[in-house]
PDB file of N, CA and C in Angstrom:
ATOM      1  N   UNK A   1      18.060  39.959  -6.471  1.00  0.00           N
ATOM      2  CA  UNK A   1      16.660  39.983  -6.815  1.00  0.00           C
ATOM      3  C   UNK A   1      16.329  38.933  -7.886  1.00  0.00           C
ATOM      4  N   UNK A   2      17.150  38.856  -8.893  1.00  0.00           N
ATOM      5  CA  UNK A   2      16.924  37.885  -9.967  1.00  0.00           C
ATOM      6  C   UNK A   2      17.051  36.469  -9.419  1.00  0.00           C
ATOM      7  N   UNK A   3      18.016  36.265  -8.544  1.00  0.00           N
ATOM      8  CA  UNK A   3      18.209  34.939  -7.940  1.00  0.00           C
ATOM      9  C   UNK A   3      16.985  34.542  -7.116  1.00  0.00           C
ATOM     10  N   UNK A   4      16.432  35.475  -6.370  1.00  0.00           N
ATOM     11  CA  UNK A   4      15.245  35.193  -5.564  1.00  0.00           C
ATOM     12  C   UNK A   4      14.057  34.819  -6.450  1.00  0.00           C
ATOM     13  N   UNK A   5      13.881  35.521  -7.567  1.00  0.00           N
ATOM     14  CA  UNK A   5      12.794  35.210  -8.491  1.00  0.00           C
ATOM     15  C   UNK A   5      13.002  33.846  -9.139  1.00  0.00           C
ATOM     16  N   UNK A   6      14.243  33.523  -9.479  1.00  0.00           N
ATOM     17  CA  UNK A   6      14.528  32.216 -10.080  1.00  0.00           C
ATOM     18  C   UNK A   6      14.229  31.098  -9.091  1.00  0.00           C
ATOM     19  N   UNK A   7      14.642  31.278  -7.837  1.00  0.00           N
ATOM     20  CA  UNK A   7      14.376  30.265  -6.817  1.00  0.00           C
ATOM     21  C   UNK A   7      12.881  30.103  -6.561  1.00  0.00           C
ATOM     22  N   UNK A   8      12.150  31.186  -6.578  1.00  0.00           N
ATOM     23  CA  UNK A   8      10.687  31.107  -6.409  1.00  0.00           C
ATOM     24  C   UNK A   8      10.065  30.346  -7.578  1.00  0.00           C
ATOM     25  N   UNK A   9      10.543  30.608  -8.781  1.00  0.00           N
ATOM     26  CA  UNK A   9      10.033  29.911  -9.964  1.00  0.00           C
ATOM     27  C   UNK A   9      10.302  28.420  -9.890  1.00  0.00           C
ATOM     28  N   UNK A  10      11.491  28.053  -9.445  1.00  0.00           N
ATOM     29  CA  UNK A  10      11.827  26.634  -9.294  1.00  0.00           C
ATOM     30  C   UNK A  10      10.932  25.992  -8.241  1.00  0.00           C
ATOM     31  N   UNK A  11      10.711  26.675  -7.140  1.00  0.00           N
ATOM     32  CA  UNK A  11       9.856  26.149  -6.075  1.00  0.00           C
ATOM     33  C   UNK A  11       8.429  25.921  -6.545  1.00  0.00           C
ATOM     34  N   UNK A  12       7.888  26.865  -7.288  1.00  0.00           N
ATOM     35  CA  UNK A  12       6.522  26.732  -7.809  1.00  0.00           C
ATOM     36  C   UNK A  12       6.452  25.581  -8.807  1.00  0.00           C
ATOM     37  N   UNK A  13       7.442  25.468  -9.684  1.00  0.00           N
ATOM     38  CA  UNK A  13       7.447  24.377 -10.664  1.00  0.00           C
ATOM     39  C   UNK A  13       7.547  23.024  -9.965  1.00  0.00           C
ATOM     40  N   UNK A  14       8.316  22.953  -8.902  1.00  0.00           N
ATOM     41  CA  UNK A  14       8.446  21.695  -8.148  1.00  0.00           C
ATOM     42  C   UNK A  14       7.128  21.282  -7.518  1.00  0.00           C
ATOM     43  N   UNK A  15       6.367  22.220  -7.042  1.00  0.00           N
ATOM     44  CA  UNK A  15       5.077  21.910  -6.434  1.00  0.00           C
ATOM     45  C   UNK A  15       4.048  21.500  -7.490  1.00  0.00           C
ATOM     46  N   UNK A  16       4.180  22.027  -8.681  1.00  0.00           N
ATOM     47  CA  UNK A  16       3.205  21.737  -9.729  1.00  0.00           C
ATOM     48  C   UNK A  16       3.426  20.367 -10.370  1.00  0.00           C
ATOM     49  N   UNK A  17       4.598  19.798 -10.217  1.00  0.00           N
ATOM     50  CA  UNK A  17       4.904  18.521 -10.868  1.00  0.00           C
ATOM     51  C   UNK A  17       5.136  17.430  -9.835  1.00  0.00           C
ATOM     52  N   UNK A  18       4.134  17.136  -9.056  1.00  0.00           N
ATOM     53  CA  UNK A  18       4.254  16.073  -8.063  1.00  0.00           C
ATOM     54  C   UNK A  18       3.970  14.723  -8.721  1.00  0.00           C
ATOM     55  N   UNK A  19       4.498  13.637  -8.130  1.00  0.00           N
ATOM     56  CA  UNK A  19       4.244  12.318  -8.722  1.00  0.00           C
ATOM     57  C   UNK A  19       2.768  11.923  -8.590  1.00  0.00           C
ATOM     58  N   UNK A  20       2.323  11.050  -9.473  1.00  0.00           N
ATOM     59  CA  UNK A  20       0.939  10.578  -9.393  1.00  0.00           C
ATOM     60  C   UNK A  20       0.766   9.739  -8.132  1.00  0.00           C
ATOM     61  N   UNK A  21      -0.485   9.506  -7.754  1.00  0.00           N
ATOM     62  CA  UNK A  21      -0.755   8.712  -6.555  1.00  0.00           C
ATOM     63  C   UNK A  21      -0.162   7.308  -6.669  1.00  0.00           C
ATOM     64  N   UNK A  22      -0.296   6.681  -7.843  1.00  0.00           N
ATOM     65  CA  UNK A  22       0.231   5.325  -7.989  1.00  0.00           C
ATOM     66  C   UNK A  22       1.756   5.314  -7.907  1.00  0.00           C
ATOM     67  N   UNK A  23       2.417   6.339  -8.458  1.00  0.00           N
ATOM     68  CA  UNK A  23       3.871   6.424  -8.352  1.00  0.00           C
ATOM     69  C   UNK A  23       4.291   6.627  -6.903  1.00  0.00           C
ATOM     70  N   UNK A  24       3.567   7.472  -6.186  1.00  0.00           N
ATOM     71  CA  UNK A  24       3.879   7.735  -4.783  1.00  0.00           C
ATOM     72  C   UNK A  24       3.664   6.473  -3.943  1.00  0.00           C
ATOM     73  N   UNK A  25       2.562   5.762  -4.191  1.00  0.00           N
ATOM     74  CA  UNK A  25       2.291   4.523  -3.451  1.00  0.00           C
ATOM     75  C   UNK A  25       3.378   3.483  -3.713  1.00  0.00           C
ATOM     76  N   UNK A  26       3.808   3.371  -4.958  1.00  0.00           N
ATOM     77  CA  UNK A  26       4.858   2.412  -5.324  1.00  0.00           C
ATOM     78  C   UNK A  26       6.176   2.781  -4.635  1.00  0.00           C
ATOM     79  N   UNK A  27       6.500   4.080  -4.605  1.00  0.00           N
ATOM     80  CA  UNK A  27       7.728   4.537  -3.957  1.00  0.00           C
ATOM     81  C   UNK A  27       7.697   4.261  -2.455  1.00  0.00           C
ATOM     82  N   UNK A  28       6.552   4.498  -1.840  1.00  0.00           N
ATOM     83  CA  UNK A  28       6.419   4.234  -0.394  1.00  0.00           C
ATOM     84  C   UNK A  28       6.557   2.738  -0.114  1.00  0.00           C
ATOM     85  N   UNK A  29       5.906   1.900  -0.923  1.00  0.00           N
ATOM     86  CA  UNK A  29       5.999   0.449  -0.734  1.00  0.00           C
ATOM     87  C   UNK A  29       7.437  -0.030  -0.870  1.00  0.00           C
ATOM     88  N   UNK A  30       8.164   0.491  -1.861  1.00  0.00           N
ATOM     89  CA  UNK A  30       9.569   0.112  -2.040  1.00  0.00           C
ATOM     90  C   UNK A  30      10.416   0.547  -0.853  1.00  0.00           C
ATOM     91  N   UNK A  31      10.146   1.748  -0.330  1.00  0.00           N
ATOM     92  CA  UNK A  31      10.903   2.254   0.807  1.00  0.00           C
ATOM     93  C   UNK A  31      10.637   1.402   2.057  1.00  0.00           C
ATOM     94  N   UNK A  32       9.386   1.031   2.261  1.00  0.00           N
ATOM     95  CA  UNK A  32       9.043   0.208   3.425  1.00  0.00           C
ATOM     96  C   UNK A  32       9.714  -1.153   3.314  1.00  0.00           C
ATOM     97  N   UNK A  33       9.644  -1.779   2.132  1.00  0.00           N
ATOM     98  CA  UNK A  33      10.268  -3.091   1.951  1.00  0.00           C
ATOM     99  C   UNK A  33      11.776  -3.021   2.129  1.00  0.00           C
ATOM    100  N   UNK A  34      12.388  -1.953   1.638  1.00  0.00           N
ATOM    101  CA  UNK A  34      13.839  -1.810   1.750  1.00  0.00           C
ATOM    102  C   UNK A  34      14.282  -1.629   3.201  1.00  0.00           C
ATOM    103  N   UNK A  35      13.444  -1.007   4.002  1.00  0.00           N
ATOM    104  CA  UNK A  35      13.840  -0.734   5.386  1.00  0.00           C
ATOM    105  C   UNK A  35      13.340  -1.787   6.379  1.00  0.00           C
ATOM    106  N   UNK A  36      12.584  -2.783   5.903  1.00  0.00           N
ATOM    107  CA  UNK A  36      11.998  -3.793   6.794  1.00  0.00           C
ATOM    108  C   UNK A  36      13.087  -4.675   7.394  1.00  0.00           C
ATOM    109  N   UNK A  37      12.985  -4.911   8.665  1.00  0.00           N
ATOM    110  CA  UNK A  37      13.910  -5.804   9.373  1.00  0.00           C
ATOM    111  C   UNK A  37      13.106  -6.960   9.961  1.00  0.00           C
ATOM    112  N   UNK A  38      13.511  -8.192   9.637  1.00  0.00           N
ATOM    113  CA  UNK A  38      12.837  -9.367  10.181  1.00  0.00           C
ATOM    114  C   UNK A  38      13.131  -9.459  11.673  1.00  0.00           C
ATOM    115  N   UNK A  39      12.064  -9.629  12.446  1.00  0.00           N
ATOM    116  CA  UNK A  39      12.205  -9.786  13.900  1.00  0.00           C
ATOM    117  C   UNK A  39      11.244 -10.869  14.347  1.00  0.00           C
ATOM    118  N   UNK A  40      11.775 -11.971  14.805  1.00  0.00           N
ATOM    119  CA  UNK A  40      10.937 -13.071  15.268  1.00  0.00           C
ATOM    120  C   UNK A  40      10.044 -13.564  14.150  1.00  0.00           C
ATOM    121  N   UNK A  41       8.746 -13.609  14.425  1.00  0.00           N
ATOM    122  CA  UNK A  41       7.807 -14.110  13.417  1.00  0.00           C
ATOM    123  C   UNK A  41       7.402 -13.040  12.408  1.00  0.00           C
ATOM    124  N   UNK A  42       7.814 -11.804  12.620  1.00  0.00           N
ATOM    125  CA  UNK A  42       7.478 -10.727  11.682  1.00  0.00           C
ATOM    126  C   UNK A  42       8.460 -10.746  10.516  1.00  0.00           C
ATOM    127  N   UNK A  43       8.022 -11.316   9.394  1.00  0.00           N
ATOM    128  CA  UNK A  43       8.864 -11.391   8.204  1.00  0.00           C
ATOM    129  C   UNK A  43       8.291 -10.498   7.106  1.00  0.00           C
ATOM    130  N   UNK A  44       9.055 -10.321   6.059  1.00  0.00           N
ATOM    131  CA  UNK A  44       8.680  -9.417   4.964  1.00  0.00           C
ATOM    132  C   UNK A  44       7.361  -9.805   4.297  1.00  0.00           C
ATOM    133  N   UNK A  45       6.976 -11.074   4.388  1.00  0.00           N
ATOM    134  CA  UNK A  45       5.719 -11.493   3.749  1.00  0.00           C
ATOM    135  C   UNK A  45       4.507 -10.823   4.383  1.00  0.00           C
ATOM    136  N   UNK A  46       4.644 -10.253   5.548  1.00  0.00           N
ATOM    137  CA  UNK A  46       3.529  -9.530   6.167  1.00  0.00           C
ATOM    138  C   UNK A  46       3.154  -8.283   5.396  1.00  0.00           C
ATOM    139  N   UNK A  47       4.057  -7.789   4.560  1.00  0.00           N
ATOM    140  CA  UNK A  47       3.777  -6.588   3.789  1.00  0.00           C
ATOM    141  C   UNK A  47       2.975  -6.875   2.523  1.00  0.00           C
ATOM    142  N   UNK A  48       2.863  -8.143   2.160  1.00  0.00           N
ATOM    143  CA  UNK A  48       2.112  -8.521   0.956  1.00  0.00           C
ATOM    144  C   UNK A  48       0.641  -8.721   1.302  1.00  0.00           C
ATOM    145  N   UNK A  49      -0.236  -8.064   0.557  1.00  0.00           N
ATOM    146  CA  UNK A  49      -1.671  -8.188   0.793  1.00  0.00           C
ATOM    147  C   UNK A  49      -2.227  -9.411   0.077  1.00  0.00           C
ATOM    148  N   UNK A  50      -3.217 -10.054   0.708  1.00  0.00           N
ATOM    149  CA  UNK A  50      -3.941 -11.105  -0.004  1.00  0.00           C
ATOM    150  C   UNK A  50      -5.000 -10.420  -0.875  1.00  0.00           C
ATOM    151  N   UNK A  51      -5.757 -11.214  -1.616  1.00  0.00           N
ATOM    152  CA  UNK A  51      -6.733 -10.644  -2.558  1.00  0.00           C
ATOM    153  C   UNK A  51      -7.782  -9.781  -1.859  1.00  0.00           C
ATOM    154  N   UNK A  52      -8.264 -10.227  -0.706  1.00  0.00           N
ATOM    155  CA  UNK A  52      -9.295  -9.473   0.013  1.00  0.00           C
ATOM    156  C   UNK A  52      -8.742  -8.128   0.490  1.00  0.00           C
ATOM    157  N   UNK A  53      -7.540  -8.130   1.039  1.00  0.00           N
ATOM    158  CA  UNK A  53      -6.936  -6.877   1.506  1.00  0.00           C
ATOM    159  C   UNK A  53      -6.693  -5.919   0.344  1.00  0.00           C
ATOM    160  N   UNK A  54      -6.235  -6.459  -0.790  1.00  0.00           N
ATOM    161  CA  UNK A  54      -5.978  -5.614  -1.958  1.00  0.00           C
ATOM    162  C   UNK A  54      -7.270  -4.975  -2.471  1.00  0.00           C
ATOM    163  N   UNK A  55      -8.369  -5.737  -2.489  1.00  0.00           N
ATOM    164  CA  UNK A  55      -9.650  -5.174  -2.926  1.00  0.00           C
ATOM    165  C   UNK A  55     -10.119  -4.078  -1.984  1.00  0.00           C
ATOM    166  N   UNK A  56      -9.981  -4.308  -0.684  1.00  0.00           N
ATOM    167  CA  UNK A  56     -10.401  -3.296   0.287  1.00  0.00           C
ATOM    168  C   UNK A  56      -9.554  -2.030   0.143  1.00  0.00           C
ATOM    169  N   UNK A  57      -8.261  -2.182  -0.083  1.00  0.00           N
ATOM    170  CA  UNK A  57      -7.394  -1.017  -0.289  1.00  0.00           C
ATOM    171  C   UNK A  57      -7.760  -0.285  -1.576  1.00  0.00           C
ATOM    172  N   UNK A  58      -8.012  -1.034  -2.626  1.00  0.00           N
ATOM    173  CA  UNK A  58      -8.340  -0.444  -3.924  1.00  0.00           C
ATOM    174  C   UNK A  58      -9.614   0.388  -3.849  1.00  0.00           C
ATOM    175  N   UNK A  59     -10.602  -0.106  -3.131  1.00  0.00           N
ATOM    176  CA  UNK A  59     -11.896   0.569  -3.060  1.00  0.00           C
ATOM    177  C   UNK A  59     -12.031   1.441  -1.816  1.00  0.00           C
ATOM    178  N   UNK A  60     -10.960   1.618  -1.063  1.00  0.00           N
ATOM    179  CA  UNK A  60     -10.927   2.508   0.116  1.00  0.00           C
ATOM    180  C   UNK A  60     -12.077   2.232   1.085  1.00  0.00           C
ATOM    181  N   UNK A  61     -12.372   0.966   1.317  1.00  0.00           N
ATOM    182  CA  UNK A  61     -13.389   0.598   2.285  1.00  0.00           C
ATOM    183  C   UNK A  61     -14.809   0.637   1.760  1.00  0.00           C
ATOM    184  N   UNK A  62     -15.012   1.142   0.563  1.00  0.00           N
ATOM    185  CA  UNK A  62     -16.352   1.223  -0.034  1.00  0.00           C
ATOM    186  C   UNK A  62     -16.444   0.207  -1.174  1.00  0.00           C
ATOM    187  N   UNK A  63     -16.609  -1.051  -0.825  1.00  0.00           N
ATOM    188  CA  UNK A  63     -16.667  -2.101  -1.835  1.00  0.00           C
ATOM    189  C   UNK A  63     -17.980  -2.034  -2.614  1.00  0.00           C
ATOM    190  N   UNK A  64     -17.930  -2.389  -3.895  1.00  0.00           N
ATOM    191  CA  UNK A  64     -19.172  -2.455  -4.669  1.00  0.00           C
ATOM    192  C   UNK A  64     -20.143  -3.463  -4.036  1.00  0.00           C
ATOM    193  N   UNK A  65     -21.417  -3.212  -4.240  1.00  0.00           N
ATOM    194  CA  UNK A  65     -22.466  -4.051  -3.644  1.00  0.00           C
ATOM    195  C   UNK A  65     -22.246  -5.523  -3.989  1.00  0.00           C
ATOM    196  N   UNK A  66     -22.320  -6.371  -2.994  1.00  0.00           N
ATOM    197  CA  UNK A  66     -22.175  -7.809  -3.172  1.00  0.00           C
ATOM    198  C   UNK A  66     -20.737  -8.308  -3.079  1.00  0.00           C
ATOM    199  N   UNK A  67     -19.766  -7.441  -3.291  1.00  0.00           N
ATOM    200  CA  UNK A  67     -18.374  -7.877  -3.259  1.00  0.00           C
ATOM    201  C   UNK A  67     -17.933  -8.269  -1.850  1.00  0.00           C
ATOM    202  N   UNK A  68     -18.399  -7.550  -0.850  1.00  0.00           N
ATOM    203  CA  UNK A  68     -17.993  -7.862   0.520  1.00  0.00           C
ATOM    204  C   UNK A  68     -18.507  -9.235   0.946  1.00  0.00           C
ATOM    205  N   UNK A  69     -19.707  -9.618   0.512  1.00  0.00           N
ATOM    206  CA  UNK A  69     -20.231 -10.951   0.838  1.00  0.00           C
ATOM    207  C   UNK A  69     -19.361 -12.043   0.238  1.00  0.00           C
ATOM    208  N   UNK A  70     -18.930 -11.841  -1.002  1.00  0.00           N
ATOM    209  CA  UNK A  70     -18.067 -12.818  -1.661  1.00  0.00           C
ATOM    210  C   UNK A  70     -16.728 -12.961  -0.963  1.00  0.00           C
ATOM    211  N   UNK A  71     -16.174 -11.858  -0.519  1.00  0.00           N
ATOM    212  CA  UNK A  71     -14.890 -11.902   0.200  1.00  0.00           C
ATOM    213  C   UNK A  71     -15.059 -12.643   1.520  1.00  0.00           C
ATOM    214  N   UNK A  72     -16.145 -12.356   2.241  1.00  0.00           N
ATOM    215  CA  UNK A  72     -16.378 -13.022   3.519  1.00  0.00           C
ATOM    216  C   UNK A  72     -16.547 -14.528   3.330  1.00  0.00           C
ATOM    217  N   UNK A  73     -17.309 -14.932   2.339  1.00  0.00           N
ATOM    218  CA  UNK A  73     -17.500 -16.365   2.084  1.00  0.00           C
ATOM    219  C   UNK A  73     -16.180 -17.037   1.744  1.00  0.00           C
ATOM    220  N   UNK A  74     -15.389 -16.394   0.916  1.00  0.00           N
ATOM    221  CA  UNK A  74     -14.103 -16.947   0.501  1.00  0.00           C
ATOM    222  C   UNK A  74     -13.169 -17.113   1.708  1.00  0.00           C
ATOM    223  N   UNK A  75     -13.167 -16.142   2.610  1.00  0.00           N
ATOM    224  CA  UNK A  75     -12.275 -16.198   3.767  1.00  0.00           C
ATOM    225  C   UNK A  75     -12.772 -17.127   4.871  1.00  0.00           C
ATOM    226  N   UNK A  76     -14.021 -17.549   4.798  1.00  0.00           N
ATOM    227  CA  UNK A  76     -14.549 -18.475   5.807  1.00  0.00           C
ATOM    228  C   UNK A  76     -14.337 -19.930   5.433  1.00  0.00           C
ATOM    229  N   UNK A  77     -13.904 -20.195   4.196  1.00  0.00           N
ATOM    230  CA  UNK A  77     -13.640 -21.582   3.787  1.00  0.00           C
ATOM    231  C   UNK A  77     -12.563 -22.165   4.696  1.00  0.00           C
ATOM    232  N   UNK A  78     -12.692 -23.429   5.048  1.00  0.00           N
ATOM    233  CA  UNK A  78     -11.671 -24.055   5.896  1.00  0.00           C
ATOM    234  C   UNK A  78     -10.277 -23.997   5.280  1.00  0.00           C
ATOM    235  N   UNK A  79     -10.175 -24.060   3.959  1.00  0.00           N
ATOM    236  CA  UNK A  79      -8.853 -24.015   3.323  1.00  0.00           C
ATOM    237  C   UNK A  79      -8.234 -22.619   3.396  1.00  0.00           C
ATOM    238  N   UNK A  80      -9.053 -21.592   3.661  1.00  0.00           N
ATOM    239  CA  UNK A  80      -8.535 -20.226   3.757  1.00  0.00           C
ATOM    240  C   UNK A  80      -7.942 -19.933   5.124  1.00  0.00           C
ATOM    241  N   UNK A  81      -8.258 -20.767   6.094  1.00  0.00           N
ATOM    242  CA  UNK A  81      -7.766 -20.557   7.454  1.00  0.00           C
ATOM    243  C   UNK A  81      -6.538 -21.432   7.669  1.00  0.00           C
ATOM    244  N   UNK A  82      -5.432 -20.765   7.935  1.00  0.00           N
ATOM    245  CA  UNK A  82      -4.184 -21.499   8.129  1.00  0.00           C
ATOM    246  C   UNK A  82      -3.802 -21.478   9.608  1.00  0.00           C
ATOM    247  N   UNK A  83      -3.452 -22.650  10.108  1.00  0.00           N
ATOM    248  CA  UNK A  83      -2.972 -22.723  11.483  1.00  0.00           C
ATOM    249  C   UNK A  83      -1.547 -22.155  11.528  1.00  0.00           C
ATOM    250  N   UNK A  84      -1.180 -21.523  12.626  1.00  0.00           N
ATOM    251  CA  UNK A  84       0.171 -20.996  12.730  1.00  0.00           C
ATOM    252  C   UNK A  84       1.196 -22.129  12.730  1.00  0.00           C
ATOM    253  N   UNK A  85       2.348 -21.808  12.142  1.00  0.00           N
ATOM    254  CA  UNK A  85       3.432 -22.802  12.135  1.00  0.00           C
ATOM    255  C   UNK A  85       4.091 -22.801  13.503  1.00  0.00           C
ATOM    256  N   UNK A  86       4.419 -23.988  13.995  1.00  0.00           N
ATOM    257  CA  UNK A  86       5.108 -24.031  15.284  1.00  0.00           C
ATOM    258  C   UNK A  86       6.587 -23.792  15.041  1.00  0.00           C
ATOM    259  N   UNK A  87       7.216 -23.160  16.017  1.00  0.00           N
ATOM    260  CA  UNK A  87       8.636 -22.871  15.838  1.00  0.00           C
ATOM    261  C   UNK A  87       9.515 -23.696  16.727  1.00  0.00           C
TER     262      UNK A  87
END
């Protein structure tokens, strides 16, 4: 009986002390990078976000007013468009 109560207490304490969202996101990113296998043109650099992707992730799709226009203009510049490398 005492053992069952102790195990229940440990279980409840474990649920109450979960990692923060940023810690969990960092752990997931590290796990994905560690398990990534390069295949053909899919290299590890695909996991890195550019500035526009990072802003969209940070704001969960709800960008502050005017920010989306700035991102679109920046990404439409000819220097922002890269031709694929030939292999």
